[in-house]
């Protein structure tokens, strides 16, 4: 079995494409549920979907799945033609796929290096996949290892020092444009994590007049009580638009919240007072056409890239230290994956021995018809114990040697000695996969055709 990853992010795709490929939690849950229901015919043995404002990534486990099939999967679920997706995707297989997820978990692949939200989003992606029985032994272990590595990176280095997130960048942009921010009327639409981080960042920059607008008041109350903000529902959106100097929007809605018409009508009641709109949602909350309305300045999440230079210099200096941690964690995961490669061989050896044991036992018992049932049971127990003792040392040795460079040779010799059919180890521990260039100019593994199935009894470990 192999891990393969296909995705787009802020480096490879525009916000227009990213929002077309974005998944909400319910969409992920429904998609994975349908795959789990059809698991007999599905090409995915395991699948985790990671979808954030800056990326959509598929992590799949399969013996024969190709990157093209993952692109077709995105087309079938998101409706975006493959020829529109293909130029913008990156692809990784096996340990390159694992290393990419570790980079993402540590914040090295984020728009804001070291930002903390991605770690929680990875945890949530794994939880959803588990809930739909689509995170099996390999992806469970991979995601747990990546989460552990991400936590180490943030506690043992300064990669997350001087907190900076998309939300804080939005607040910083607002502060730069509207002076003094303490006198500005700020409206924050949404009551999720990014919205709360925006409110926190605004408060720390001196904003005094903050209104949180949400579909329901329950979640808005929690933010308002913590940060002394006012609250309103979407029914009061027109009044909020008229009063605001700055509006930051971050909802999980799959459609526009503010249309060009709503903003245009609000501006007629503002007596030419300028309005700053900052949209940090994916899919976007604010109609891009609103930028054409007089006296309106509209910024989306891609504009925040311009705010990064200089602010992240200290974090960038910590990246080499993070790499050391990730190398350690990747090595441990690689050892685990290599150990799994011996499992089919060990299972075959045991099954071979069990077949011989049962055959010989049946022949023996037929020649001893006068034995009691208890005596037959004792003989069977003795043969089981004998086989177990004989296989104990060689199977343990095979497990121990799984991670060594000569593991494929050991596997071949073992199969020959025991008279077993089968292939050598697959891509993790055996012959390296061939390489092909990907869209970013790097290389990614091409999956070999002959692979082993994991035994279902293999259970993931926990952190």
Protein backbone atom coordinates (compact mmCIF):
# COMPACT_ATOMS: atom_id res chain seq x y z
CA UNK A 1 0.00 0.00 0.00
CA UNK A 2 1.12 3.56 -0.68
CA UNK A 3 0.38 7.06 0.58
CA UNK A 4 -0.25 9.60 -2.13
CA UNK A 5 -1.03 13.29 -1.75
CA UNK A 6 -2.52 15.75 -4.20
CA UNK A 7 -3.36 19.34 -3.39
CA UNK A 8 -3.45 23.04 -4.16
CA UNK A 9 -2.45 25.88 -1.86
CA UNK A 10 -1.80 29.61 -1.74
CA UNK A 11 1.50 29.12 -3.60
CA UNK A 12 0.09 27.18 -6.56
CA UNK A 13 -3.49 28.36 -7.07
CA UNK A 14 -5.44 31.61 -7.02
CA UNK A 15 -8.14 32.24 -4.46
CA UNK A 16 -10.73 31.75 -7.25
CA UNK A 17 -9.59 28.15 -7.78
CA UNK A 18 -9.06 27.47 -4.08
CA UNK A 19 -12.59 28.48 -3.20
CA UNK A 20 -13.95 26.23 -5.95
CA UNK A 21 -12.02 23.30 -4.47
CA UNK A 22 -12.79 24.11 -0.83
CA UNK A 23 -14.76 21.62 1.30
CA UNK A 24 -16.92 22.48 4.28
CA UNK A 25 -16.99 20.00 7.18
CA UNK A 26 -20.37 18.64 6.20
CA UNK A 27 -19.22 18.19 2.61
CA UNK A 28 -16.15 16.28 3.79
CA UNK A 29 -18.26 14.13 6.08
CA UNK A 30 -20.77 13.33 3.32
CA UNK A 31 -18.05 12.60 0.76
CA UNK A 32 -16.13 10.27 3.07
CA UNK A 33 -19.34 8.58 4.19
CA UNK A 34 -20.26 7.75 0.60
CA UNK A 35 -16.78 6.33 0.00
CA UNK A 36 -16.92 4.25 3.18
CA UNK A 37 -20.32 2.87 2.16
CA UNK A 38 -18.93 1.87 -1.23
CA UNK A 39 -15.58 0.67 0.14
CA UNK A 40 -15.77 -2.63 -1.73
CA UNK A 41 -15.49 -0.86 -5.08
CA UNK A 42 -13.75 2.35 -4.00
CA UNK A 43 -10.17 2.94 -5.10
CA UNK A 44 -9.47 4.53 -1.71
CA UNK A 45 -8.46 2.20 1.11
CA UNK A 46 -8.09 5.30 3.30
CA UNK A 47 -8.70 9.01 2.66
CA UNK A 48 -8.33 12.22 4.68
CA UNK A 49 -9.40 15.58 3.23
CA UNK A 50 -7.65 18.67 4.61
CA UNK A 51 -9.42 21.87 3.52
CA UNK A 52 -8.54 25.29 4.91
CA UNK A 53 -8.64 28.86 3.65
CA UNK A 54 -5.22 28.37 2.05
CA UNK A 55 -5.25 24.74 0.87
CA UNK A 56 -7.20 21.69 -0.17
CA UNK A 57 -5.25 18.45 0.10
CA UNK A 58 -6.18 14.80 -0.35
CA UNK A 59 -4.21 12.13 1.53
CA UNK A 60 -5.05 8.69 0.17
CA UNK A 61 -3.86 5.13 0.74
CA UNK A 62 -4.21 2.64 -2.08
CA UNK A 63 -2.37 -0.14 -3.85
CA UNK A 64 -3.10 1.18 -7.33
CA UNK A 65 -4.54 4.71 -7.09
CA UNK A 66 -2.96 7.30 -9.40
CA UNK A 67 -2.71 11.07 -9.19
CA UNK A 68 -5.01 11.32 -12.21
CA UNK A 69 -7.72 9.49 -10.27
CA UNK A 70 -7.41 12.01 -7.44
CA UNK A 71 -7.88 14.85 -9.93
CA UNK A 72 -10.97 13.08 -11.26
CA UNK A 73 -12.19 12.72 -7.67
CA UNK A 74 -11.92 16.51 -7.22
CA UNK A 75 -13.80 17.02 -10.49
CA UNK A 76 -16.58 14.66 -9.39
CA UNK A 77 -16.94 16.26 -5.96
CA UNK A 78 -16.24 19.93 -6.73
CA UNK A 79 -17.22 20.18 -10.39
CA UNK A 80 -13.94 21.80 -11.47
CA UNK A 81 -12.65 20.40 -14.80
CA UNK A 82 -9.45 18.36 -14.57
CA UNK A 83 -7.69 20.59 -17.11
CA UNK A 84 -8.34 23.56 -14.80
CA UNK A 85 -6.97 21.69 -11.77
CA UNK A 86 -3.96 19.92 -13.25
CA UNK A 87 -1.61 22.91 -13.84
CA UNK A 88 -1.95 24.01 -10.22
CA UNK A 89 -1.65 20.80 -8.19
CA UNK A 90 1.34 19.35 -6.38
CA UNK A 91 1.75 15.59 -5.99
CA UNK A 92 3.72 13.48 -3.53
CA UNK A 93 3.97 9.76 -2.85
CA UNK A 94 5.10 7.70 0.15
CA UNK A 95 7.71 9.47 2.30
CA UNK A 96 7.52 12.65 0.24
CA UNK A 97 3.80 12.75 1.01
CA UNK A 98 4.55 12.21 4.70
CA UNK A 99 7.22 14.91 4.73
CA UNK A 100 4.82 17.38 3.12
CA UNK A 101 2.20 16.81 5.83
CA UNK A 102 4.87 17.25 8.52
CA UNK A 103 5.84 20.59 6.93
CA UNK A 104 2.19 21.65 6.91
CA UNK A 105 1.68 20.63 10.56
CA UNK A 106 4.78 22.54 11.66
CA UNK A 107 3.57 25.68 9.88
CA UNK A 108 6.43 25.73 7.38
CA UNK A 109 4.03 25.56 4.42
CA UNK A 110 1.57 28.17 5.69
CA UNK A 111 0.85 31.63 4.31
CA UNK A 112 1.95 32.88 7.73
CA UNK A 113 4.86 30.69 8.76
CA UNK A 114 4.33 29.00 12.12
CA UNK A 115 0.67 29.98 12.39
CA UNK A 116 -1.14 27.87 15.00
CA UNK A 117 -4.52 27.28 13.34
CA UNK A 118 -3.31 24.67 10.86
CA UNK A 119 -2.47 22.20 13.62
CA UNK A 120 -6.03 22.23 14.91
CA UNK A 121 -7.32 21.93 11.36
CA UNK A 122 -5.21 18.81 10.81
CA UNK A 123 -6.54 17.32 14.05
CA UNK A 124 -10.08 18.05 12.90
CA UNK A 125 -9.50 16.54 9.44
CA UNK A 126 -8.32 13.31 11.07
CA UNK A 127 -11.29 13.27 13.47
CA UNK A 128 -13.77 13.59 10.60
CA UNK A 129 -12.07 10.84 8.58
CA UNK A 130 -12.06 8.57 11.63
CA UNK A 131 -15.74 9.25 12.17
CA UNK A 132 -16.48 8.00 8.66
CA UNK A 133 -14.10 4.99 8.95
CA UNK A 134 -11.82 6.37 6.23
CA UNK A 135 -8.69 6.85 8.38
CA UNK A 136 -7.16 3.41 8.74
CA UNK A 137 -3.86 2.25 10.22
CA UNK A 138 -1.58 4.15 7.85
CA UNK A 139 -3.25 7.58 7.81
CA UNK A 140 -4.02 7.36 11.52
CA UNK A 141 -0.34 6.85 12.24
CA UNK A 142 0.78 9.46 9.68
CA UNK A 143 -1.51 12.20 10.97
CA UNK A 144 -0.77 11.41 14.63
CA UNK A 145 2.95 11.60 13.88
CA UNK A 146 2.54 14.89 12.01
CA UNK A 147 0.48 16.39 14.85
CA UNK A 148 3.12 15.31 17.37
CA UNK A 149 5.85 16.86 15.20
CA UNK A 150 3.85 20.10 14.86
CA UNK A 151 3.47 20.35 18.64
CA UNK A 152 7.20 19.76 19.15
CA UNK A 153 8.05 22.44 16.59
CA UNK A 154 5.98 25.03 18.45
CA UNK A 155 7.16 24.14 21.96
CA UNK A 156 10.84 23.53 21.24
CA UNK A 157 11.49 26.40 18.80
CA UNK A 158 10.36 29.97 18.26
CA UNK A 159 8.51 29.21 15.02
CA UNK A 160 5.26 30.54 16.55
CA UNK A 161 6.82 33.39 18.52
CA UNK A 162 5.18 36.81 18.14
CA UNK A 163 1.81 35.32 17.11
CA UNK A 164 0.88 36.08 13.53
CA UNK A 165 -2.10 34.63 11.72
CA UNK A 166 -4.29 35.55 8.79
CA UNK A 167 -6.61 37.17 11.31
CA UNK A 168 -3.85 39.22 12.93
CA UNK A 169 -2.59 40.27 9.51
CA UNK A 170 -6.11 41.46 8.69
CA UNK A 171 -6.15 43.49 11.91
CA UNK A 172 -2.70 44.89 11.10
CA UNK A 173 -3.86 45.93 7.62
CA UNK A 174 -6.92 47.61 9.11
CA UNK A 175 -4.72 49.51 11.57
CA UNK A 176 -2.48 50.73 8.76
CA UNK A 177 -5.35 52.02 6.64
CA UNK A 178 -7.63 53.57 9.27
CA UNK A 179 -6.11 55.96 11.81
CA UNK A 180 -6.58 56.03 14.70
CA UNK A 181 -8.06 52.57 14.98
CA UNK A 182 -9.26 53.33 18.51
CA UNK A 183 -11.86 55.66 17.02
CA UNK A 184 -12.88 53.41 14.14
CA UNK A 185 -16.08 51.39 14.08
CA UNK A 186 -15.08 47.79 13.32
CA UNK A 187 -17.51 45.07 12.25
CA UNK A 188 -16.42 41.42 12.34
CA UNK A 189 -18.72 39.01 10.48
CA UNK A 190 -18.64 35.43 11.74
CA UNK A 191 -17.99 33.86 15.12
CA UNK A 192 -15.57 31.04 14.35
CA UNK A 193 -11.94 30.72 15.36
CA UNK A 194 -10.58 33.13 12.74
CA UNK A 195 -13.20 35.72 13.59
CA UNK A 196 -12.34 35.49 17.28
CA UNK A 197 -8.63 35.80 16.51
CA UNK A 198 -9.43 38.92 14.49
CA UNK A 199 -11.34 40.43 17.42
CA UNK A 200 -8.45 39.61 19.76
CA UNK A 201 -5.90 41.16 17.38
CA UNK A 202 -8.04 44.28 16.94
CA UNK A 203 -8.37 44.70 20.70
CA UNK A 204 -4.61 44.37 21.17
CA UNK A 205 -4.11 47.10 18.56
CA UNK A 206 -6.41 49.44 20.43
CA UNK A 207 -9.77 49.03 18.67
CA UNK A 208 -12.54 50.09 21.03
CA UNK A 209 -15.74 49.88 18.97
CA UNK A 210 -16.18 46.30 17.76
CA UNK A 211 -19.43 44.71 16.58
CA UNK A 212 -19.60 40.93 16.00
CA UNK A 213 -22.29 39.95 13.48
CA UNK A 214 -23.24 36.28 13.25
CA UNK A 215 -26.11 34.14 12.00
CA UNK A 216 -26.96 33.18 15.59
CA UNK A 217 -26.18 34.97 18.84
CA UNK A 218 -25.01 32.01 20.96
CA UNK A 219 -21.49 31.82 19.53
CA UNK A 220 -21.30 35.61 19.13
CA UNK A 221 -22.04 36.00 22.85
CA UNK A 222 -18.99 33.89 23.73
CA UNK A 223 -16.68 36.20 21.75
CA UNK A 224 -18.40 39.38 22.88
CA UNK A 225 -18.21 38.44 26.55
CA UNK A 226 -14.51 37.58 26.28
CA UNK A 227 -13.49 40.70 24.36
CA UNK A 228 -16.17 43.23 25.40
CA UNK A 229 -17.70 43.57 21.94
CA UNK A 230 -21.23 44.27 20.80
CA UNK A 231 -23.23 41.65 18.90
CA UNK A 232 -25.88 41.51 16.18
CA UNK A 233 -27.43 38.99 13.81
CA UNK A 234 -27.45 39.00 10.02
CA UNK A 235 -30.82 40.77 10.10
CA UNK A 236 -28.88 43.88 11.17
CA UNK A 237 -26.31 43.61 8.37
CA UNK A 238 -27.50 46.75 6.53
CA UNK A 239 -27.10 48.90 9.64
CA UNK A 240 -23.69 47.34 10.31
CA UNK A 241 -22.53 48.23 6.79
CA UNK A 242 -23.70 51.80 7.15
CA UNK A 243 -21.93 52.33 10.48
CA UNK A 244 -18.65 50.48 9.84
CA UNK A 245 -15.30 52.04 9.02
CA UNK A 246 -13.65 48.59 8.82
CA UNK A 247 -15.37 45.28 8.12
CA UNK A 248 -13.57 41.93 8.45
CA UNK A 249 -15.49 38.89 7.25
CA UNK A 250 -14.69 35.28 8.13
CA UNK A 251 -17.63 32.89 7.95
CA UNK A 252 -17.86 29.29 6.79
CA UNK A 253 -20.70 30.04 4.39
CA UNK A 254 -20.51 28.38 0.96
CA UNK A 255 -21.96 31.49 -0.71
CA UNK A 256 -21.50 35.27 -0.69
CA UNK A 257 -22.61 37.07 2.47
CA UNK A 258 -22.21 40.60 1.13
CA UNK A 259 -23.17 41.29 -2.47
CA UNK A 260 -22.06 44.26 -4.56
CA UNK A 261 -25.64 45.58 -4.42
CA UNK A 262 -25.79 45.46 -0.60
CA UNK A 263 -22.54 47.38 -0.31
CA UNK A 264 -23.48 49.89 -2.99
CA UNK A 265 -26.78 50.63 -1.25
CA UNK A 266 -25.04 51.01 2.11
CA UNK A 267 -22.51 53.46 0.63
CA UNK A 268 -25.30 55.79 -0.55
CA UNK A 269 -26.24 56.29 3.09
CA UNK A 270 -22.68 56.98 4.27
CA UNK A 271 -22.16 60.42 2.72
CA UNK A 272 -18.97 59.35 0.91
CA UNK A 273 -17.38 58.04 4.11
CA UNK A 274 -14.81 55.36 3.02
CA UNK A 275 -15.24 51.71 3.92
CA UNK A 276 -12.45 49.14 4.26
CA UNK A 277 -13.54 45.54 3.56
CA UNK A 278 -11.19 42.66 4.44
CA UNK A 279 -12.39 39.21 3.36
CA UNK A 280 -10.42 36.36 4.98
CA UNK A 281 -12.93 33.63 4.18
CA UNK A 282 -12.55 30.84 1.62
CA UNK A 283 -14.92 30.63 -0.20
CA UNK A 284 -15.09 34.42 -0.14
CA UNK A 285 -17.83 36.18 1.80
CA UNK A 286 -17.69 39.45 -0.14
CA UNK A 287 -18.52 39.88 -3.82
CA UNK A 288 -15.29 40.87 -5.65
CA UNK A 289 -17.37 43.35 -7.67
CA UNK A 290 -17.68 45.42 -4.48
CA UNK A 291 -14.18 46.73 -5.18
CA UNK A 292 -15.69 48.82 -7.99
CA UNK A 293 -18.02 50.70 -5.62
CA UNK A 294 -16.74 54.26 -5.02
CA UNK A 295 -14.99 54.86 -1.68
CA UNK A 296 -14.71 51.12 -1.00
CA UNK A 297 -11.36 49.36 -0.52
CA UNK A 298 -11.64 45.57 -0.72
CA UNK A 299 -8.87 43.15 0.28
CA UNK A 300 -9.07 39.35 0.11
CA UNK A 301 -6.82 36.73 1.64
CA UNK A 302 -4.31 36.87 -1.22
CA UNK A 303 -3.69 40.57 -0.58
CA UNK A 304 -2.38 39.68 2.87
CA UNK A 305 0.74 38.23 1.26
CA UNK A 306 1.98 41.80 0.90
CA UNK A 307 1.98 42.21 4.68
CA UNK A 308 4.29 39.31 5.38
CA UNK A 309 7.75 40.64 4.55
CA UNK A 310 9.70 41.66 7.60
CA UNK A 311 7.04 40.55 10.07
CA UNK A 312 8.14 36.93 9.75
CA UNK A 313 11.92 37.33 9.76
CA UNK A 314 12.29 35.96 13.29
CA UNK A 315 10.15 32.95 12.53
CA UNK A 316 12.06 32.20 9.35
CA UNK A 317 15.26 32.09 11.40
CA UNK A 318 13.74 29.24 13.43
CA UNK A 319 13.00 27.11 10.37
CA UNK A 320 16.33 25.18 10.45
CA UNK A 321 15.63 24.14 14.04
CA UNK A 322 12.18 22.96 13.03
CA UNK A 323 13.71 20.95 10.20
CA UNK A 324 15.88 19.05 12.68
CA UNK A 325 12.78 18.09 14.68
CA UNK A 326 10.88 17.07 11.55
CA UNK A 327 13.79 14.94 10.35
CA UNK A 328 13.72 13.05 13.66
CA UNK A 329 9.96 12.51 13.48
CA UNK A 330 10.05 11.54 9.80
CA UNK A 331 12.70 8.92 10.56
CA UNK A 332 10.48 7.38 13.23
CA UNK A 333 7.52 7.28 10.86
CA UNK A 334 9.67 5.74 8.13
CA UNK A 335 10.75 3.01 10.54
CA UNK A 336 7.11 2.29 11.31
CA UNK A 337 6.19 2.10 7.62
CA UNK A 338 9.11 -0.19 6.86
CA UNK A 339 8.09 -2.49 9.70
CA UNK A 340 4.63 -2.81 8.15
CA UNK A 341 6.17 -4.14 4.96
CA UNK A 342 7.13 -7.38 6.74
CA UNK A 343 3.60 -8.00 8.01
CA UNK A 344 2.28 -9.71 4.84
CA UNK A 345 5.37 -11.94 4.74
CA UNK A 346 5.03 -12.92 8.40
CA UNK A 347 1.31 -13.56 7.89
CA UNK A 348 2.10 -15.77 4.87
CA UNK A 349 4.70 -17.74 6.86
CA UNK A 350 2.25 -18.34 9.69
CA UNK A 351 -0.54 -19.31 7.32
CA UNK A 352 1.80 -21.71 5.50
CA UNK A 353 2.85 -23.30 8.80
CA UNK A 354 -0.75 -23.51 9.98
CA UNK A 355 -1.80 -25.28 6.78
CA UNK A 356 0.97 -27.85 7.22
CA UNK A 357 0.12 -28.30 10.92
CA UNK A 358 -3.56 -28.94 10.27
CA UNK A 359 -2.80 -31.34 7.41
CA UNK A 360 -0.35 -33.39 9.48
CA UNK A 361 -2.63 -33.34 12.52
CA UNK A 362 -5.60 -34.62 10.49
CA UNK A 363 -3.50 -37.47 9.07
CA UNK A 364 -2.23 -38.40 12.53
CA UNK A 365 -5.65 -38.36 14.19
CA UNK A 366 -7.12 -40.53 11.43
CA UNK A 367 -4.51 -43.16 12.28
CA UNK A 368 -5.41 -42.99 15.99
CA UNK A 369 -9.19 -43.50 16.01
CA UNK A 370 -9.29 -44.63 19.65
CA UNK A 371 -8.14 -41.29 21.11
CA UNK A 372 -10.61 -39.48 23.35
CA UNK A 373 -11.79 -35.98 22.59
CA UNK A 374 -9.65 -34.61 25.41
CA UNK A 375 -6.56 -36.40 24.09
CA UNK A 376 -7.15 -35.04 20.60
CA UNK A 377 -7.45 -31.52 22.04
CA UNK A 378 -4.14 -31.95 23.94
CA UNK A 379 -2.37 -33.09 20.76
CA UNK A 380 -3.75 -30.14 18.80
CA UNK A 381 -2.64 -27.72 21.52
CA UNK A 382 0.80 -29.29 21.49
CA UNK A 383 1.12 -28.85 17.69
CA UNK A 384 0.00 -25.23 17.92
CA UNK A 385 2.56 -24.50 20.63
CA UNK A 386 5.26 -26.27 18.64
CA UNK A 387 4.63 -24.20 15.52
CA UNK A 388 4.49 -21.01 17.57
CA UNK A 389 7.84 -21.77 19.20
CA UNK A 390 9.51 -22.64 15.90
CA UNK A 391 8.30 -19.44 14.20
CA UNK A 392 8.93 -17.13 17.15
CA UNK A 393 12.59 -16.38 16.45
CA UNK A 394 12.46 -16.07 12.63
CA UNK A 395 9.36 -13.82 12.63
CA UNK A 396 10.75 -11.56 15.34
CA UNK A 397 13.99 -11.36 13.38
CA UNK A 398 12.10 -10.36 10.25
CA UNK A 399 10.36 -7.55 12.16
CA UNK A 400 13.67 -6.34 13.55
CA UNK A 401 15.32 -6.32 10.12
CA UNK A 402 12.42 -4.58 8.38
CA UNK A 403 14.04 -1.16 8.66
CA UNK A 404 17.53 -2.16 7.53
CA UNK A 405 18.81 -1.51 3.97
CA UNK A 406 18.88 -5.24 3.23
CA UNK A 407 15.21 -5.83 4.15
CA UNK A 408 14.16 -6.70 0.56
CA UNK A 409 16.88 -9.37 0.40
CA UNK A 410 15.81 -10.81 3.76
CA UNK A 411 12.21 -10.96 2.53
CA UNK A 412 13.21 -12.71 -0.70
CA UNK A 413 15.33 -15.28 1.16
CA UNK A 414 12.56 -15.92 3.69
CA UNK A 415 9.99 -16.52 0.95
CA UNK A 416 12.39 -18.87 -0.80
CA UNK A 417 13.19 -20.81 2.38
CA UNK A 418 9.53 -21.25 3.27
CA UNK A 419 8.47 -21.94 -0.33
CA UNK A 420 6.15 -18.93 -0.50
CA UNK A 421 4.99 -17.04 -3.55
CA UNK A 422 5.02 -13.26 -3.52
CA UNK A 423 6.95 -10.12 -4.31
CA UNK A 424 9.57 -8.20 -2.38
CA UNK A 425 8.91 -5.14 -0.27
CA UNK A 426 7.08 -2.18 -1.73
CA UNK A 427 8.16 1.44 -2.07
CA UNK A 428 8.74 2.35 1.58
CA UNK A 429 11.45 -0.23 2.28
CA UNK A 430 12.26 -1.77 -1.06
CA UNK A 431 13.45 -0.50 -4.40
CA UNK A 432 13.02 3.29 -4.62
CA UNK A 433 10.21 4.49 -6.84
CA UNK A 434 11.04 6.23 -10.11
CA UNK A 435 10.84 10.01 -10.07
CA UNK A 436 8.99 12.50 -12.22
CA UNK A 437 8.91 16.32 -12.03
CA UNK A 438 5.83 17.97 -10.56
CA UNK A 439 4.40 21.41 -11.15
CA UNK A 440 6.67 23.05 -8.57
CA UNK A 441 9.85 21.73 -10.20
CA UNK A 442 10.47 19.25 -7.40
CA UNK A 443 10.21 15.50 -7.73
CA UNK A 444 7.57 13.11 -6.53
CA UNK A 445 7.42 9.36 -6.37
CA UNK A 446 5.68 7.33 -9.05
CA UNK A 447 3.90 4.40 -7.53
CA UNK A 448 5.20 0.92 -8.42
CA UNK A 449 2.60 -1.49 -9.75
CA UNK A 450 3.26 -4.40 -7.39
CA UNK A 451 2.39 -3.78 -3.75
CA UNK A 452 1.14 -5.57 -0.66
CA UNK A 453 -2.13 -5.19 1.20
CA UNK A 454 -1.90 -4.29 4.86
CA UNK A 455 -3.41 -6.82 7.21
CA UNK A 456 -6.52 -5.33 8.85
CA UNK A 457 -5.29 -6.39 12.27
CA UNK A 458 -2.56 -3.73 12.30
CA UNK A 459 -3.66 -1.06 14.74
CA UNK A 460 -2.30 2.50 14.89
CA UNK A 461 -0.37 3.64 17.91
CA UNK A 462 -1.18 6.80 19.79
CA UNK A 463 0.97 9.75 20.73
